[in-house]
Protein backbone atom coordinates (compact mmCIF):
# COMPACT_ATOMS: atom_id res chain seq x y z
CA UNK A 1 0.00 0.00 0.00
CA UNK A 2 1.33 3.44 -0.91
CA UNK A 3 1.22 6.08 1.80
CA UNK A 4 2.26 9.58 2.86
CA UNK A 5 4.53 10.32 5.83
CA UNK A 6 5.44 13.71 7.28
CA UNK A 7 8.26 14.98 9.51
CA UNK A 8 9.03 18.48 10.73
CA UNK A 9 12.10 20.35 11.92
CA UNK A 10 12.84 23.74 13.47
CA UNK A 11 15.82 26.10 13.19
CA UNK A 12 18.23 27.12 15.93
CA UNK A 13 16.25 30.35 16.19
CA UNK A 14 13.01 28.62 17.14
CA UNK A 15 12.20 29.53 20.77
CA UNK A 16 12.52 25.95 22.03
CA UNK A 17 15.80 25.49 20.15
CA UNK A 18 17.17 28.74 21.56
CA UNK A 19 16.66 27.14 24.96
CA UNK A 20 18.27 23.86 23.87
CA UNK A 21 21.27 25.77 22.53
CA UNK A 22 21.65 27.71 25.78
CA UNK A 23 21.34 24.58 27.91
CA UNK A 24 23.92 22.68 25.85
CA UNK A 25 26.28 25.66 25.79
CA UNK A 26 26.18 25.61 29.59
CA UNK A 27 26.83 21.87 29.65
CA UNK A 28 29.93 22.52 27.54
CA UNK A 29 31.00 25.34 29.87
CA UNK A 30 30.91 22.97 32.84
CA UNK A 31 32.65 20.14 30.97
CA UNK A 32 35.37 22.54 29.84
CA UNK A 33 36.10 23.16 33.51
CA UNK A 34 35.67 19.57 34.68
CA UNK A 35 35.21 16.52 32.44
CA UNK A 36 33.30 14.85 35.28
CA UNK A 37 30.88 17.74 35.82
CA UNK A 38 27.21 16.83 35.99
CA UNK A 39 24.43 18.90 34.53
CA UNK A 40 20.67 18.81 34.23
CA UNK A 41 20.00 22.34 32.99
CA UNK A 42 16.65 23.77 31.90
CA UNK A 43 16.13 27.07 30.10
CA UNK A 44 13.03 29.19 29.55
CA UNK A 45 13.07 32.13 27.16
CA UNK A 46 10.46 34.81 26.53
CA UNK A 47 10.43 38.49 25.55
CA UNK A 48 13.85 39.85 26.58
CA UNK A 49 14.17 37.40 29.46
CA UNK A 50 15.99 34.09 29.93
CA UNK A 51 15.57 31.92 33.02
CA UNK A 52 18.00 29.07 33.68
CA UNK A 53 17.55 26.49 36.39
CA UNK A 54 18.55 22.94 37.24
CA UNK A 55 21.20 20.86 38.95
CA UNK A 56 24.94 20.94 38.43
CA UNK A 57 28.10 19.76 40.12
CA UNK A 58 31.63 20.75 39.20
CA UNK A 59 35.05 20.51 40.83
CA UNK A 60 36.02 23.90 39.43
CA UNK A 61 34.47 27.24 40.31
CA UNK A 62 32.28 28.80 37.62
CA UNK A 63 31.21 32.39 38.27
CA UNK A 64 27.80 33.84 37.55
CA UNK A 65 29.50 36.15 35.06
CA UNK A 66 30.88 33.18 33.09
CA UNK A 67 27.44 31.61 33.02
CA UNK A 68 25.79 34.84 31.88
CA UNK A 69 28.43 35.45 29.21
CA UNK A 70 27.92 31.91 27.90
CA UNK A 71 24.17 32.47 27.67
CA UNK A 72 24.60 35.79 25.85
CA UNK A 73 27.12 34.32 23.43
CA UNK A 74 24.75 31.46 22.59
CA UNK A 75 22.00 33.94 21.75
CA UNK A 76 24.45 36.07 19.75
CA UNK A 77 25.64 33.05 17.77
CA UNK A 78 22.07 32.26 16.80
CA UNK A 79 21.67 35.82 15.56
CA UNK A 80 19.22 37.53 17.91
CA UNK A 81 19.71 41.26 18.30
CA UNK A 82 16.09 42.38 18.00
CA UNK A 83 14.05 44.81 20.05
CA UNK A 84 12.09 42.06 21.76
CA UNK A 85 15.01 39.65 22.18
CA UNK A 86 18.65 40.73 22.02
CA UNK A 87 21.84 39.09 23.24
CA UNK A 88 22.93 42.48 24.51
CA UNK A 89 19.91 43.48 26.58
CA UNK A 90 18.13 40.26 27.54
CA UNK A 91 17.66 39.82 31.30
CA UNK A 92 19.14 36.55 32.59
CA UNK A 93 17.86 34.98 35.81
CA UNK A 94 20.12 32.21 37.14
CA UNK A 95 18.59 29.59 39.44
CA UNK A 96 21.15 26.81 38.99
CA UNK A 97 21.93 24.84 42.14
CA UNK A 98 24.02 21.86 43.23
CA UNK A 99 23.02 18.35 42.19
CA UNK A 100 20.81 16.51 44.64
CA UNK A 101 22.83 14.27 46.97
CA UNK A 102 20.17 11.57 46.53
CA UNK A 103 20.67 11.51 42.75
CA UNK A 104 24.45 11.65 43.15
CA UNK A 105 24.37 8.48 45.27
CA UNK A 106 23.51 6.32 42.28
CA UNK A 107 25.72 8.11 39.78
CA UNK A 108 28.77 8.03 42.07
CA UNK A 109 28.82 4.22 41.78
CA UNK A 110 28.53 4.39 37.98
CA UNK A 111 24.81 3.67 37.98
CA UNK A 112 22.29 5.19 35.61
CA UNK A 113 21.42 8.80 36.38
CA UNK A 114 17.73 8.06 36.07
CA UNK A 115 15.22 5.35 35.22
CA UNK A 116 13.64 5.26 31.79
CA UNK A 117 13.47 3.80 28.31
CA UNK A 118 15.55 4.93 25.33
CA UNK A 119 15.37 4.09 21.63
CA UNK A 120 17.86 3.99 18.78
CA UNK A 121 16.95 3.74 15.12
CA UNK A 122 18.45 3.58 11.66
CA UNK A 123 16.92 3.12 8.25
CA UNK A 124 18.31 2.55 4.79
CA UNK A 125 16.01 4.48 2.48
CA UNK A 126 15.94 2.78 -0.91
CA UNK A 127 17.93 4.78 -3.44
CA UNK A 128 18.97 7.60 -1.09
CA UNK A 129 22.06 8.53 0.88
CA UNK A 130 20.47 10.05 3.97
CA UNK A 131 23.00 9.03 6.63
CA UNK A 132 20.83 6.02 7.54
CA UNK A 133 18.10 8.42 8.60
CA UNK A 134 14.44 8.44 7.57
CA UNK A 135 14.19 10.70 4.55
CA UNK A 136 11.45 13.12 5.63
CA UNK A 137 13.23 14.26 8.82
CA UNK A 138 16.56 14.30 7.01
CA UNK A 139 15.22 16.65 4.31
CA UNK A 140 13.39 18.81 6.87
CA UNK A 141 16.63 19.32 8.77
CA UNK A 142 18.65 19.97 5.62
CA UNK A 143 16.30 22.66 4.33
CA UNK A 144 16.70 24.65 7.53
CA UNK A 145 20.46 24.05 7.77
CA UNK A 146 20.93 25.37 4.24
CA UNK A 147 18.76 28.42 4.92
CA UNK A 148 20.56 29.09 8.21
CA UNK A 149 23.97 28.81 6.55
CA UNK A 150 22.90 31.35 3.95
CA UNK A 151 21.55 33.69 6.66
CA UNK A 152 24.77 33.56 8.69
CA UNK A 153 26.83 34.19 5.54
CA UNK A 154 24.76 37.23 4.59
CA UNK A 155 23.40 35.63 1.42
CA UNK A 156 19.76 36.31 2.32
CA UNK A 157 19.39 39.76 3.96
CA UNK A 158 16.11 40.13 5.77
CA UNK A 159 15.72 36.49 6.79
CA UNK A 160 15.67 36.19 10.59
CA UNK A 161 16.59 33.24 12.87
CA UNK A 162 13.22 31.64 13.67
CA UNK A 163 12.05 29.04 11.15
CA UNK A 164 10.16 25.75 10.81
CA UNK A 165 10.02 23.21 7.99
CA UNK A 166 7.84 20.21 7.21
CA UNK A 167 8.22 17.61 4.47
CA UNK A 168 5.54 15.14 3.38
CA UNK A 169 6.90 12.17 1.44
CA UNK A 170 5.03 9.74 -0.79
CA UNK A 171 6.06 6.09 -0.47
CA UNK A 172 5.17 3.38 -3.00
CA UNK A 173 3.77 -0.08 -2.30
CA UNK A 174 7.26 -1.39 -1.52
CA UNK A 175 8.02 1.30 1.05
CA UNK A 176 10.32 3.25 -1.27
CA UNK A 177 10.13 7.06 -1.22
CA UNK A 178 9.12 8.23 -4.68
CA UNK A 179 8.18 11.92 -4.35
CA UNK A 180 7.88 14.93 -2.11
CA UNK A 181 4.18 15.67 -1.88
CA UNK A 182 4.25 18.87 0.17
CA UNK A 183 6.79 21.21 1.76
CA UNK A 184 5.92 23.77 4.42
CA UNK A 185 8.50 26.42 5.32
CA UNK A 186 7.80 29.26 7.72
CA UNK A 187 10.64 31.70 8.23
CA UNK A 188 10.87 34.86 10.26
CA UNK A 189 11.73 37.90 8.17
CA UNK A 190 12.29 41.63 8.26
CA UNK A 191 9.21 43.78 7.73
CA UNK A 192 11.09 45.25 4.76
CA UNK A 193 10.64 42.00 2.82
CA UNK A 194 7.40 41.37 0.95
CA UNK A 195 5.82 37.93 1.04
CA UNK A 196 6.71 37.49 -2.62
CA UNK A 197 10.37 38.10 -1.79
CA UNK A 198 10.24 35.70 1.16
CA UNK A 199 8.63 33.04 -1.03
CA UNK A 200 11.28 33.49 -3.73
CA UNK A 201 14.11 33.09 -1.20
CA UNK A 202 12.52 30.11 0.54
CA UNK A 203 11.86 28.23 -2.70
CA UNK A 204 15.51 28.56 -3.68
CA UNK A 205 16.68 26.73 -0.58
CA UNK A 206 13.98 24.09 -0.84
CA UNK A 207 15.01 23.40 -4.44
CA UNK A 208 18.71 23.20 -3.48
CA UNK A 209 17.92 20.63 -0.79
CA UNK A 210 15.45 18.24 -2.41
CA UNK A 211 16.62 15.46 -4.76
CA UNK A 212 16.70 16.50 -8.40
CA UNK A 213 13.23 16.40 -9.93
CA UNK A 214 11.50 16.19 -6.56
CA UNK A 215 10.26 19.76 -6.24
CA UNK A 216 6.49 19.50 -5.58
CA UNK A 217 3.82 21.41 -7.44
CA UNK A 218 3.83 25.10 -6.63
CA UNK A 219 0.47 24.83 -4.87
CA UNK A 220 2.04 22.28 -2.52
CA UNK A 221 4.90 24.58 -1.48
CA UNK A 222 3.52 26.47 1.48
CA UNK A 223 5.66 29.45 2.53
CA UNK A 224 4.62 31.40 5.64
CA UNK A 225 1.00 30.21 5.40
CA UNK A 226 -0.26 32.97 7.75
CA UNK A 227 1.13 35.55 5.30
CA UNK A 228 3.48 37.32 7.72
CA UNK A 229 6.17 36.23 10.20
CA UNK A 230 7.99 39.31 11.52
CA UNK A 231 7.58 38.76 15.26
CA UNK A 232 9.39 35.54 16.09
CA UNK A 233 11.78 33.78 18.42
CA UNK A 234 11.18 34.03 22.18
CA UNK A 235 9.52 37.42 21.62
CA UNK A 236 6.77 35.70 19.66
CA UNK A 237 6.44 32.45 21.62
CA UNK A 238 7.92 31.21 24.89
CA UNK A 239 10.66 28.59 24.54
CA UNK A 240 11.59 25.69 26.80
CA UNK A 241 14.42 23.16 26.81
CA UNK A 242 13.45 19.68 25.69
CA UNK A 243 10.21 20.50 23.91
CA UNK A 244 11.34 19.34 20.45
CA UNK A 245 12.26 15.74 21.23
CA UNK A 246 10.79 14.28 18.03
CA UNK A 247 12.66 16.85 15.93
CA UNK A 248 15.83 15.87 17.81
CA UNK A 249 15.33 12.20 16.98
CA UNK A 250 13.74 10.45 14.02
CA UNK A 251 10.82 12.66 13.04
CA UNK A 252 8.13 10.22 14.14
CA UNK A 253 9.45 7.19 12.24
CA UNK A 254 10.43 5.50 15.51
CA UNK A 255 9.13 5.48 19.12
CA UNK A 256 10.53 7.88 21.70
CA UNK A 257 11.18 7.20 25.37
CA UNK A 258 10.13 10.70 26.43
CA UNK A 259 13.43 12.02 27.77
CA UNK A 260 15.07 15.08 26.25
CA UNK A 261 18.79 15.36 25.47
CA UNK A 262 19.83 19.00 25.77
CA UNK A 263 21.11 20.32 29.07
CA UNK A 264 22.21 16.90 30.31
CA UNK A 265 25.67 15.43 30.77
CA UNK A 266 26.32 11.84 29.75
CA UNK A 267 25.55 10.27 33.15
CA UNK A 268 21.95 10.93 32.17
CA UNK A 269 21.05 7.84 30.15
CA UNK A 270 18.26 9.77 28.44
CA UNK A 271 21.09 11.19 26.38
CA UNK A 272 24.00 8.75 26.45
CA UNK A 273 22.01 5.52 26.00
CA UNK A 274 20.01 7.02 23.14
CA UNK A 275 23.30 7.95 21.49
CA UNK A 276 24.66 4.43 21.97
CA UNK A 277 21.54 2.79 20.56
CA UNK A 278 21.70 5.04 17.50
CA UNK A 279 25.35 3.99 17.09
CA UNK A 280 24.44 0.31 17.28
CA UNK A 281 21.37 0.56 15.02
CA UNK A 282 23.30 2.51 12.39
CA UNK A 283 26.14 0.02 12.36
CA UNK A 284 23.72 -2.92 12.15
CA UNK A 285 22.11 -1.41 9.05
CA UNK A 286 25.47 -0.37 7.57
CA UNK A 287 26.72 -3.93 8.04
CA UNK A 288 23.86 -5.16 5.87
CA UNK A 289 22.23 -7.18 8.65
CA UNK A 290 18.95 -5.30 8.15
CA UNK A 291 17.54 -2.38 6.17
CA UNK A 292 15.88 -0.96 9.25
CA UNK A 293 16.68 -1.39 12.93
CA UNK A 294 14.94 -0.26 16.11
CA UNK A 295 16.52 -0.84 19.52
CA UNK A 296 15.12 -0.19 22.99
CA UNK A 297 16.91 -0.27 26.33
CA UNK A 298 15.69 0.38 29.88
CA UNK A 299 17.42 1.40 33.12
CA UNK A 300 16.77 1.88 36.82
CA UNK A 301 18.35 4.80 38.64
CA UNK A 302 21.57 3.85 40.38
CA UNK A 303 21.81 0.48 38.60
CA UNK A 304 24.56 0.09 36.01
CA UNK A 305 23.34 -2.84 33.92
CA UNK A 306 20.30 -2.24 31.71
CA UNK A 307 17.09 -4.02 32.66
CA UNK A 308 16.19 -4.94 29.09
CA UNK A 309 17.35 -4.73 25.48
CA UNK A 310 14.96 -5.18 22.56
CA UNK A 311 15.35 -5.29 18.78
CA UNK A 312 12.88 -4.96 15.93
CA UNK A 313 14.14 -4.92 12.35
CA UNK A 314 10.60 -4.62 11.00
CA UNK A 315 10.98 -7.75 8.88
CA UNK A 316 13.95 -6.32 6.96
CA UNK A 317 16.60 -8.41 8.76
CA UNK A 318 18.83 -10.71 6.71
CA UNK A 319 19.88 -12.76 9.75
CA UNK A 320 18.14 -13.84 12.95
CA UNK A 321 17.25 -10.90 15.21
CA UNK A 322 18.10 -12.81 18.37
CA UNK A 323 21.57 -13.50 17.03
CA UNK A 324 22.03 -9.79 16.28
CA UNK A 325 20.99 -8.99 19.85
CA UNK A 326 23.28 -11.65 21.33
CA UNK A 327 26.18 -10.36 19.22
CA UNK A 328 25.61 -6.79 20.41
CA UNK A 329 25.57 -7.92 24.02
CA UNK A 330 28.89 -9.71 23.51
CA UNK A 331 30.56 -6.81 21.71
CA UNK A 332 29.40 -3.76 23.66
CA UNK A 333 28.61 -3.11 27.31
CA UNK A 334 25.59 -0.88 27.88
CA UNK A 335 26.45 0.31 31.37
CA UNK A 336 26.54 4.12 31.58
CA UNK A 337 30.26 4.07 32.37
CA UNK A 338 31.09 1.96 29.33
CA UNK A 339 28.82 3.97 27.03
CA UNK A 340 30.56 7.16 28.12
CA UNK A 341 33.98 5.57 27.56
CA UNK A 342 33.09 3.99 24.21
CA UNK A 343 31.69 7.21 22.74
CA UNK A 344 34.03 9.53 24.69
CA UNK A 345 31.18 11.63 26.04
CA UNK A 346 32.90 13.53 28.84
CA UNK A 347 34.04 16.30 26.51
CA UNK A 348 32.43 19.68 25.71
CA UNK A 349 30.89 18.49 22.43
CA UNK A 350 27.20 19.18 22.87
CA UNK A 351 26.45 22.69 21.58
CA UNK A 352 26.41 21.61 17.89
CA UNK A 353 23.86 18.89 18.67
CA UNK A 354 21.23 21.33 19.90
CA UNK A 355 19.81 22.16 16.45
CA UNK A 356 19.12 20.20 13.24
CA UNK A 357 18.96 16.79 14.90
CA UNK A 358 21.24 14.73 17.10
CA UNK A 359 21.38 12.00 14.46
CA UNK A 360 22.19 11.82 10.77
CA UNK A 361 25.20 14.10 11.25
CA UNK A 362 28.88 13.76 10.33
CA UNK A 363 31.34 12.82 13.10
CA UNK A 364 33.62 15.77 13.87
CA UNK A 365 37.32 15.88 14.68
CA UNK A 366 36.66 17.07 18.24
CA UNK A 367 34.57 13.96 18.89
CA UNK A 368 31.14 15.50 18.46
CA UNK A 369 28.68 13.04 16.92
CA UNK A 370 30.95 10.11 17.77
CA UNK A 371 27.78 8.00 17.85
CA UNK A 372 27.49 8.47 14.08
CA UNK A 373 30.69 6.54 13.34
CA UNK A 374 30.50 3.30 11.35
CA UNK A 375 33.54 1.69 12.95
CA UNK A 376 31.58 -1.33 14.21
CA UNK A 377 30.04 -2.37 10.89
CA UNK A 378 32.93 -4.50 9.62
CA UNK A 379 33.24 -6.28 12.94
CA UNK A 380 29.53 -7.04 12.89
CA UNK A 381 29.74 -8.42 9.35
CA UNK A 382 32.39 -10.94 10.42
CA UNK A 383 30.07 -12.35 13.07
CA UNK A 384 27.58 -13.60 10.49
């Protein structure tokens, strides 16, 4: 049966993403001071005000001025210097406090920093190189990345930081993507730009992103459907850390455990275990053991070993799923300590993850996106 499937993404200037970027910038600040620092930082942003709160612990002193400067720099890097929200004038309220001793008890013995379930996923889309990501979320992210790159480089004067995209794909009876049915792109803009000018700019970056010949009919390209988007960012809508968890993951193609990533250090398995399961799922698909792979793991706070590990290749596996699971268990330990060591997660590498997805990215020289490496695929192949 043919079907349509839709995923959305948001830019780094979206109010919720502003908060994710601030929270992850603060995580990196703490990890720069102390690789064993712990963070669970939440940010709220509204008209010319940012509120940060949460738990931290660090063996090095970090002043309120350093924290405030980090917050302002994050906002500046995004590009906000508007009347209603400016990196220069925004009021910053700091309510960070020391990590709870009760939570620290479990983490100090290398246990999980919380209970919960986490998922990892990878998919080989037929005929497409999408970093083993589902195509709709991959394209949604890429549209906004390309537009943001052009904005930062001064290629599109008048385009402002806040933006959202949405891509609807058509799949054929065999589950192969065959067309883009609809694209929605809403982008904040200067009041000096007409809607015709905004539409012209937006269509350029949609066309540059989509596969050749996949531009939908003009009536199915929806640019700023309300007709105007001048007031945006936290001035237009309050932002919160962790409110775009589906955007951060797989765009609805896979389940989600409910825990956000941004603002958390790697002792929080919401983040680190989800990264490890993405690493494993991606390598399983890259090794040719399946065209699609979903993994789930569960933890109890203070306990190192996971309570469960589950696999579902959605009938695309070329070998027995149980054998894949047994092989994973033999090759990789899923205790928080070993995940952190394997992926080298105690470094200040998190700010780039805060926008345009935590998955489907290129590993960087500083170790960011280490969970996107394919260094396990060959080893997995040899086991079958």
